[in-house]
Amino acid sequence: MPRIIDTEQKNLVGKKVRMFRKERRMSQQQLSDKLETLAIYVCRGSVSRIEDGSRTVTDIELYGLSQVLSVPIEEFFK
């Protein structure tokens, strides 16, 4: 079955995730650990792949990123 997204770029929010994470002086591991406290399991390597656009982001993960980074979801798309 073909993938819905069949391009190099797998998400629209990765660059913003990196920007917001760095603004908060948070490492990828720290972000992963904080997501885990919300029962959202994204390893450090997956955070890296989200940020470089090579991994998709689920709606639940986006919600968690919004909560952990204290950013409204719509800010990830600006």
PDB file of N, CA and C in Angstrom:
ATOM      1  N   MET A   1       0.843  -1.178   0.000  1.00  0.00           N
ATOM      2  CA  MET A   1       0.000   0.000   0.000  1.00  0.00           C
ATOM      3  C   MET A   1       0.888   1.241   0.000  1.00  0.00           C
ATOM      4  N   PRO A   2       0.642   2.190  -0.877  1.00  0.00           N
ATOM      5  CA  PRO A   2       1.478   3.394  -0.937  1.00  0.00           C
ATOM      6  C   PRO A   2       1.226   4.293   0.267  1.00  0.00           C
ATOM      7  N   ARG A   3       2.261   5.023   0.627  1.00  0.00           N
ATOM      8  CA  ARG A   3       2.144   5.983   1.723  1.00  0.00           C
ATOM      9  C   ARG A   3       1.349   7.196   1.258  1.00  0.00           C
ATOM     10  N   ILE A   4       0.651   7.798   2.195  1.00  0.00           N
ATOM     11  CA  ILE A   4      -0.100   9.014   1.884  1.00  0.00           C
ATOM     12  C   ILE A   4       0.873  10.140   1.546  1.00  0.00           C
ATOM     13  N   ILE A   5       1.931  10.227   2.345  1.00  0.00           N
ATOM     14  CA  ILE A   5       2.946  11.254   2.110  1.00  0.00           C
ATOM     15  C   ILE A   5       4.127  10.557   1.456  1.00  0.00           C
ATOM     16  N   ASP A   6       4.391  10.868   0.217  1.00  0.00           N
ATOM     17  CA  ASP A   6       5.447  10.177  -0.512  1.00  0.00           C
ATOM     18  C   ASP A   6       6.470  11.181  -1.036  1.00  0.00           C
ATOM     19  N   THR A   7       6.950  12.035  -0.144  1.00  0.00           N
ATOM     20  CA  THR A   7       7.946  13.034  -0.495  1.00  0.00           C
ATOM     21  C   THR A   7       9.104  12.947   0.486  1.00  0.00           C
ATOM     22  N   GLU A   8      10.128  13.722   0.252  1.00  0.00           N
ATOM     23  CA  GLU A   8      11.259  13.783   1.176  1.00  0.00           C
ATOM     24  C   GLU A   8      10.832  14.357   2.521  1.00  0.00           C
ATOM     25  N   GLN A   9      10.067  15.429   2.489  1.00  0.00           N
ATOM     26  CA  GLN A   9       9.617  16.122   3.702  1.00  0.00           C
ATOM     27  C   GLN A   9       8.379  15.410   4.248  1.00  0.00           C
ATOM     28  N   LYS A  10       8.479  14.864   5.468  1.00  0.00           N
ATOM     29  CA  LYS A  10       7.386  14.082   6.037  1.00  0.00           C
ATOM     30  C   LYS A  10       6.504  14.864   7.012  1.00  0.00           C
ATOM     31  N   ASN A  11       6.893  16.090   7.351  1.00  0.00           N
ATOM     32  CA  ASN A  11       6.046  16.904   8.226  1.00  0.00           C
ATOM     33  C   ASN A  11       6.269  18.380   7.935  1.00  0.00           C
ATOM     34  N   LEU A  12       5.355  19.202   8.424  1.00  0.00           N
ATOM     35  CA  LEU A  12       5.433  20.653   8.225  1.00  0.00           C
ATOM     36  C   LEU A  12       5.940  21.382   9.459  1.00  0.00           C
ATOM     37  N   VAL A  13       6.098  20.670  10.566  1.00  0.00           N
ATOM     38  CA  VAL A  13       6.338  21.348  11.846  1.00  0.00           C
ATOM     39  C   VAL A  13       7.754  21.171  12.404  1.00  0.00           C
ATOM     40  N   GLY A  14       8.557  20.356  11.795  1.00  0.00           N
ATOM     41  CA  GLY A  14       9.867  20.017  12.352  1.00  0.00           C
ATOM     42  C   GLY A  14      10.767  21.200  12.647  1.00  0.00           C
ATOM     43  N   LYS A  15      10.851  22.129  11.722  1.00  0.00           N
ATOM     44  CA  LYS A  15      11.724  23.292  11.936  1.00  0.00           C
ATOM     45  C   LYS A  15      11.253  24.122  13.116  1.00  0.00           C
ATOM     46  N   LYS A  16       9.935  24.230  13.280  1.00  0.00           N
ATOM     47  CA  LYS A  16       9.396  24.986  14.415  1.00  0.00           C
ATOM     48  C   LYS A  16       9.628  24.238  15.731  1.00  0.00           C
ATOM     49  N   VAL A  17       9.520  22.913  15.698  1.00  0.00           N
ATOM     50  CA  VAL A  17       9.806  22.131  16.903  1.00  0.00           C
ATOM     51  C   VAL A  17      11.233  22.424  17.363  1.00  0.00           C
ATOM     52  N   ARG A  18      12.180  22.372  16.436  1.00  0.00           N
ATOM     53  CA  ARG A  18      13.578  22.660  16.769  1.00  0.00           C
ATOM     54  C   ARG A  18      13.731  24.083  17.310  1.00  0.00           C
ATOM     55  N   MET A  19      13.110  25.042  16.651  1.00  0.00           N
ATOM     56  CA  MET A  19      13.229  26.433  17.072  1.00  0.00           C
ATOM     57  C   MET A  19      12.681  26.625  18.495  1.00  0.00           C
ATOM     58  N   PHE A  20      11.468  26.116  18.756  1.00  0.00           N
ATOM     59  CA  PHE A  20      10.870  26.276  20.077  1.00  0.00           C
ATOM     60  C   PHE A  20      11.666  25.531  21.141  1.00  0.00           C
ATOM     61  N   ARG A  21      12.186  24.350  20.807  1.00  0.00           N
ATOM     62  CA  ARG A  21      12.992  23.570  21.757  1.00  0.00           C
ATOM     63  C   ARG A  21      14.257  24.330  22.113  1.00  0.00           C
ATOM     64  N   LYS A  22      14.937  24.863  21.118  1.00  0.00           N
ATOM     65  CA  LYS A  22      16.183  25.599  21.369  1.00  0.00           C
ATOM     66  C   LYS A  22      15.923  26.896  22.138  1.00  0.00           C
ATOM     67  N   GLU A  23      14.808  27.571  21.842  1.00  0.00           N
ATOM     68  CA  GLU A  23      14.466  28.783  22.589  1.00  0.00           C
ATOM     69  C   GLU A  23      14.334  28.489  24.080  1.00  0.00           C
ATOM     70  N   ARG A  24      13.925  27.270  24.404  1.00  0.00           N
ATOM     71  CA  ARG A  24      13.745  26.868  25.792  1.00  0.00           C
ATOM     72  C   ARG A  24      14.987  26.189  26.365  1.00  0.00           C
ATOM     73  N   ARG A  25      16.061  26.218  25.572  1.00  0.00           N
ATOM     74  CA  ARG A  25      17.335  25.606  25.972  1.00  0.00           C
ATOM     75  C   ARG A  25      17.132  24.158  26.464  1.00  0.00           C
ATOM     76  N   MET A  26      16.400  23.425  25.664  1.00  0.00           N
ATOM     77  CA  MET A  26      16.056  22.049  25.981  1.00  0.00           C
ATOM     78  C   MET A  26      16.758  21.127  24.980  1.00  0.00           C
ATOM     79  N   SER A  27      17.319  20.046  25.468  1.00  0.00           N
ATOM     80  CA  SER A  27      17.936  19.071  24.568  1.00  0.00           C
ATOM     81  C   SER A  27      16.850  18.180  23.974  1.00  0.00           C
ATOM     82  N   GLN A  28      17.210  17.458  22.934  1.00  0.00           N
ATOM     83  CA  GLN A  28      16.265  16.515  22.340  1.00  0.00           C
ATOM     84  C   GLN A  28      15.877  15.452  23.364  1.00  0.00           C
ATOM     85  N   GLN A  29      16.830  15.017  24.186  1.00  0.00           N
ATOM     86  CA  GLN A  29      16.535  14.012  25.207  1.00  0.00           C
ATOM     87  C   GLN A  29      15.581  14.566  26.258  1.00  0.00           C
ATOM     88  N   GLN A  30      15.785  15.809  26.652  1.00  0.00           N
ATOM     89  CA  GLN A  30      14.882  16.421  27.629  1.00  0.00           C
ATOM     90  C   GLN A  30      13.466  16.530  27.071  1.00  0.00           C
ATOM     91  N   LEU A  31      13.353  16.882  25.797  1.00  0.00           N
ATOM     92  CA  LEU A  31      12.036  16.954  25.162  1.00  0.00           C
ATOM     93  C   LEU A  31      11.393  15.566  25.149  1.00  0.00           C
ATOM     94  N   SER A  32      12.151  14.566  24.783  1.00  0.00           N
ATOM     95  CA  SER A  32      11.658  13.196  24.776  1.00  0.00           C
ATOM     96  C   SER A  32      11.182  12.789  26.175  1.00  0.00           C
ATOM     97  N   ASP A  33      11.974  13.108  27.192  1.00  0.00           N
ATOM     98  CA  ASP A  33      11.620  12.757  28.574  1.00  0.00           C
ATOM     99  C   ASP A  33      10.337  13.443  29.021  1.00  0.00           C
ATOM    100  N   LYS A  34      10.167  14.723  28.655  1.00  0.00           N
ATOM    101  CA  LYS A  34       8.958  15.458  29.044  1.00  0.00           C
ATOM    102  C   LYS A  34       7.729  14.921  28.316  1.00  0.00           C
ATOM    103  N   LEU A  35       7.882  14.526  27.065  1.00  0.00           N
ATOM    104  CA  LEU A  35       6.769  13.907  26.346  1.00  0.00           C
ATOM    105  C   LEU A  35       6.355  12.607  27.018  1.00  0.00           C
ATOM    106  N   GLU A  36       7.339  11.860  27.515  1.00  0.00           N
ATOM    107  CA  GLU A  36       7.054  10.591  28.170  1.00  0.00           C
ATOM    108  C   GLU A  36       6.184  10.784  29.410  1.00  0.00           C
ATOM    109  N   THR A  37       6.337  11.915  30.111  1.00  0.00           N
ATOM    110  CA  THR A  37       5.498  12.172  31.289  1.00  0.00           C
ATOM    111  C   THR A  37       4.028  12.352  30.898  1.00  0.00           C
ATOM    112  N   LEU A  38       3.768  12.611  29.627  1.00  0.00           N
ATOM    113  CA  LEU A  38       2.399  12.718  29.105  1.00  0.00           C
ATOM    114  C   LEU A  38       1.956  11.413  28.437  1.00  0.00           C
ATOM    115  N   ALA A  39       2.750  10.355  28.624  1.00  0.00           N
ATOM    116  CA  ALA A  39       2.497   9.051  28.001  1.00  0.00           C
ATOM    117  C   ALA A  39       2.566   9.129  26.480  1.00  0.00           C
ATOM    118  N   ILE A  40       3.454  10.000  25.986  1.00  0.00           N
ATOM    119  CA  ILE A  40       3.724  10.112  24.550  1.00  0.00           C
ATOM    120  C   ILE A  40       5.176   9.698  24.373  1.00  0.00           C
ATOM    121  N   TYR A  41       5.376   8.543  23.765  1.00  0.00           N
ATOM    122  CA  TYR A  41       6.708   7.949  23.707  1.00  0.00           C
ATOM    123  C   TYR A  41       7.365   8.236  22.360  1.00  0.00           C
ATOM    124  N   VAL A  42       8.247   9.229  22.382  1.00  0.00           N
ATOM    125  CA  VAL A  42       9.025   9.631  21.207  1.00  0.00           C
ATOM    126  C   VAL A  42      10.480   9.651  21.663  1.00  0.00           C
ATOM    127  N   CYS A  43      11.280   8.710  21.177  1.00  0.00           N
ATOM    128  CA  CYS A  43      12.677   8.647  21.612  1.00  0.00           C
ATOM    129  C   CYS A  43      13.468   9.844  21.069  1.00  0.00           C
ATOM    130  N   ARG A  44      14.670  10.041  21.593  1.00  0.00           N
ATOM    131  CA  ARG A  44      15.504  11.158  21.180  1.00  0.00           C
ATOM    132  C   ARG A  44      15.770  11.117  19.680  1.00  0.00           C
ATOM    133  N   GLY A  45      16.012   9.937  19.156  1.00  0.00           N
ATOM    134  CA  GLY A  45      16.260   9.804  17.723  1.00  0.00           C
ATOM    135  C   GLY A  45      15.058  10.210  16.888  1.00  0.00           C
ATOM    136  N   SER A  46      13.874   9.895  17.379  1.00  0.00           N
ATOM    137  CA  SER A  46      12.659  10.298  16.668  1.00  0.00           C
ATOM    138  C   SER A  46      12.458  11.805  16.728  1.00  0.00           C
ATOM    139  N   VAL A  47      12.833  12.435  17.858  1.00  0.00           N
ATOM    140  CA  VAL A  47      12.781  13.897  17.937  1.00  0.00           C
ATOM    141  C   VAL A  47      13.682  14.486  16.848  1.00  0.00           C
ATOM    142  N   SER A  48      14.866  13.916  16.699  1.00  0.00           N
ATOM    143  CA  SER A  48      15.793  14.385  15.675  1.00  0.00           C
ATOM    144  C   SER A  48      15.182  14.257  14.283  1.00  0.00           C
ATOM    145  N   ARG A  49      14.555  13.118  14.018  1.00  0.00           N
ATOM    146  CA  ARG A  49      13.945  12.895  12.698  1.00  0.00           C
ATOM    147  C   ARG A  49      12.724  13.795  12.473  1.00  0.00           C
ATOM    148  N   ILE A  50      11.984  14.087  13.537  1.00  0.00           N
ATOM    149  CA  ILE A  50      10.881  15.046  13.405  1.00  0.00           C
ATOM    150  C   ILE A  50      11.450  16.396  13.007  1.00  0.00           C
ATOM    151  N   GLU A  51      12.505  16.812  13.709  1.00  0.00           N
ATOM    152  CA  GLU A  51      13.089  18.130  13.451  1.00  0.00           C
ATOM    153  C   GLU A  51      13.683  18.251  12.049  1.00  0.00           C
ATOM    154  N   ASP A  52      14.243  17.177  11.531  1.00  0.00           N
ATOM    155  CA  ASP A  52      14.818  17.284  10.181  1.00  0.00           C
ATOM    156  C   ASP A  52      13.801  16.940   9.087  1.00  0.00           C
ATOM    157  N   GLY A  53      12.552  16.669   9.499  1.00  0.00           N
ATOM    158  CA  GLY A  53      11.486  16.464   8.535  1.00  0.00           C
ATOM    159  C   GLY A  53      11.394  15.078   7.940  1.00  0.00           C
ATOM    160  N   SER A  54      12.185  14.137   8.453  1.00  0.00           N
ATOM    161  CA  SER A  54      12.196  12.802   7.858  1.00  0.00           C
ATOM    162  C   SER A  54      11.245  11.822   8.556  1.00  0.00           C
ATOM    163  N   ARG A  55      10.480  12.312   9.535  1.00  0.00           N
ATOM    164  CA  ARG A  55       9.506  11.473  10.251  1.00  0.00           C
ATOM    165  C   ARG A  55       8.187  12.227  10.354  1.00  0.00           C
ATOM    166  N   THR A  56       7.093  11.489  10.192  1.00  0.00           N
ATOM    167  CA  THR A  56       5.786  12.099  10.361  1.00  0.00           C
ATOM    168  C   THR A  56       5.518  12.376  11.842  1.00  0.00           C
ATOM    169  N   VAL A  57       4.534  13.228  12.102  1.00  0.00           N
ATOM    170  CA  VAL A  57       4.134  13.580  13.462  1.00  0.00           C
ATOM    171  C   VAL A  57       2.643  13.287  13.589  1.00  0.00           C
ATOM    172  N   THR A  58       2.275  12.491  14.581  1.00  0.00           N
ATOM    173  CA  THR A  58       0.855  12.207  14.783  1.00  0.00           C
ATOM    174  C   THR A  58       0.188  13.380  15.488  1.00  0.00           C
ATOM    175  N   ASP A  59      -1.128  13.388  15.454  1.00  0.00           N
ATOM    176  CA  ASP A  59      -1.855  14.454  16.141  1.00  0.00           C
ATOM    177  C   ASP A  59      -1.597  14.415  17.646  1.00  0.00           C
ATOM    178  N   ILE A  60      -1.492  13.241  18.221  1.00  0.00           N
ATOM    179  CA  ILE A  60      -1.222  13.120  19.653  1.00  0.00           C
ATOM    180  C   ILE A  60       0.173  13.655  19.970  1.00  0.00           C
ATOM    181  N   GLU A  61       1.145  13.338  19.119  1.00  0.00           N
ATOM    182  CA  GLU A  61       2.502  13.860  19.329  1.00  0.00           C
ATOM    183  C   GLU A  61       2.521  15.377  19.211  1.00  0.00           C
ATOM    184  N   LEU A  62       1.803  15.922  18.240  1.00  0.00           N
ATOM    185  CA  LEU A  62       1.750  17.369  18.079  1.00  0.00           C
ATOM    186  C   LEU A  62       1.124  18.024  19.301  1.00  0.00           C
ATOM    187  N   TYR A  63       0.073  17.425  19.826  1.00  0.00           N
ATOM    188  CA  TYR A  63      -0.550  17.927  21.048  1.00  0.00           C
ATOM    189  C   TYR A  63       0.468  17.935  22.188  1.00  0.00           C
ATOM    190  N   GLY A  64       1.203  16.837  22.347  1.00  0.00           N
ATOM    191  CA  GLY A  64       2.217  16.750  23.397  1.00  0.00           C
ATOM    192  C   GLY A  64       3.322  17.778  23.226  1.00  0.00           C
ATOM    193  N   LEU A  65       3.779  17.961  22.008  1.00  0.00           N
ATOM    194  CA  LEU A  65       4.806  18.971  21.745  1.00  0.00           C
ATOM    195  C   LEU A  65       4.294  20.356  22.118  1.00  0.00           C
ATOM    196  N   SER A  66       3.041  20.612  21.804  1.00  0.00           N
ATOM    197  CA  SER A  66       2.422  21.885  22.154  1.00  0.00           C
ATOM    198  C   SER A  66       2.411  22.090  23.669  1.00  0.00           C
ATOM    199  N   GLN A  67       2.056  21.047  24.400  1.00  0.00           N
ATOM    200  CA  GLN A  67       1.997  21.137  25.854  1.00  0.00           C
ATOM    201  C   GLN A  67       3.388  21.311  26.477  1.00  0.00           C
ATOM    202  N   VAL A  68       4.322  20.479  26.057  1.00  0.00           N
ATOM    203  CA  VAL A  68       5.669  20.502  26.630  1.00  0.00           C
ATOM    204  C   VAL A  68       6.394  21.805  26.306  1.00  0.00           C
ATOM    205  N   LEU A  69       6.224  22.292  25.089  1.00  0.00           N
ATOM    206  CA  LEU A  69       6.927  23.505  24.668  1.00  0.00           C
ATOM    207  C   LEU A  69       6.125  24.779  24.968  1.00  0.00           C
ATOM    208  N   SER A  70       4.914  24.614  25.513  1.00  0.00           N
ATOM    209  CA  SER A  70       4.034  25.749  25.867  1.00  0.00           C
ATOM    210  C   SER A  70       3.791  26.670  24.674  1.00  0.00           C
ATOM    211  N   VAL A  71       3.412  26.040  23.565  1.00  0.00           N
ATOM    212  CA  VAL A  71       3.167  26.759  22.314  1.00  0.00           C
ATOM    213  C   VAL A  71       1.820  26.297  21.760  1.00  0.00           C
ATOM    214  N   PRO A  72       0.937  27.223  21.393  1.00  0.00           N
ATOM    215  CA  PRO A  72      -0.314  26.799  20.750  1.00  0.00           C
ATOM    216  C   PRO A  72      -0.024  26.023  19.461  1.00  0.00           C
ATOM    217  N   ILE A  73      -0.810  25.024  19.197  1.00  0.00           N
ATOM    218  CA  ILE A  73      -0.579  24.171  18.014  1.00  0.00           C
ATOM    219  C   ILE A  73      -0.447  24.973  16.736  1.00  0.00           C
ATOM    220  N   GLU A  74      -1.259  25.993  16.578  1.00  0.00           N
ATOM    221  CA  GLU A  74      -1.214  26.757  15.319  1.00  0.00           C
ATOM    222  C   GLU A  74       0.134  27.440  15.094  1.00  0.00           C
ATOM    223  N   GLU A  75       0.893  27.695  16.164  1.00  0.00           N
ATOM    224  CA  GLU A  75       2.208  28.320  16.015  1.00  0.00           C
ATOM    225  C   GLU A  75       3.198  27.437  15.265  1.00  0.00           C
ATOM    226  N   PHE A  76       3.001  26.140  15.307  1.00  0.00           N
ATOM    227  CA  PHE A  76       3.882  25.214  14.595  1.00  0.00           C
ATOM    228  C   PHE A  76       3.741  25.355  13.074  1.00  0.00           C
ATOM    229  N   PHE A  77       2.648  25.959  12.618  1.00  0.00           N
ATOM    230  CA  PHE A  77       2.375  26.061  11.186  1.00  0.00           C
ATOM    231  C   PHE A  77       2.608  27.444  10.607  1.00  0.00           C
ATOM    232  N   LYS A  78       3.073  28.370  11.422  1.00  0.00           N
ATOM    233  CA  LYS A  78       3.311  29.739  10.931  1.00  0.00           C
ATOM    234  C   LYS A  78       4.707  29.876  10.361  1.00  0.00           C
TER     235      LYS A  78
END
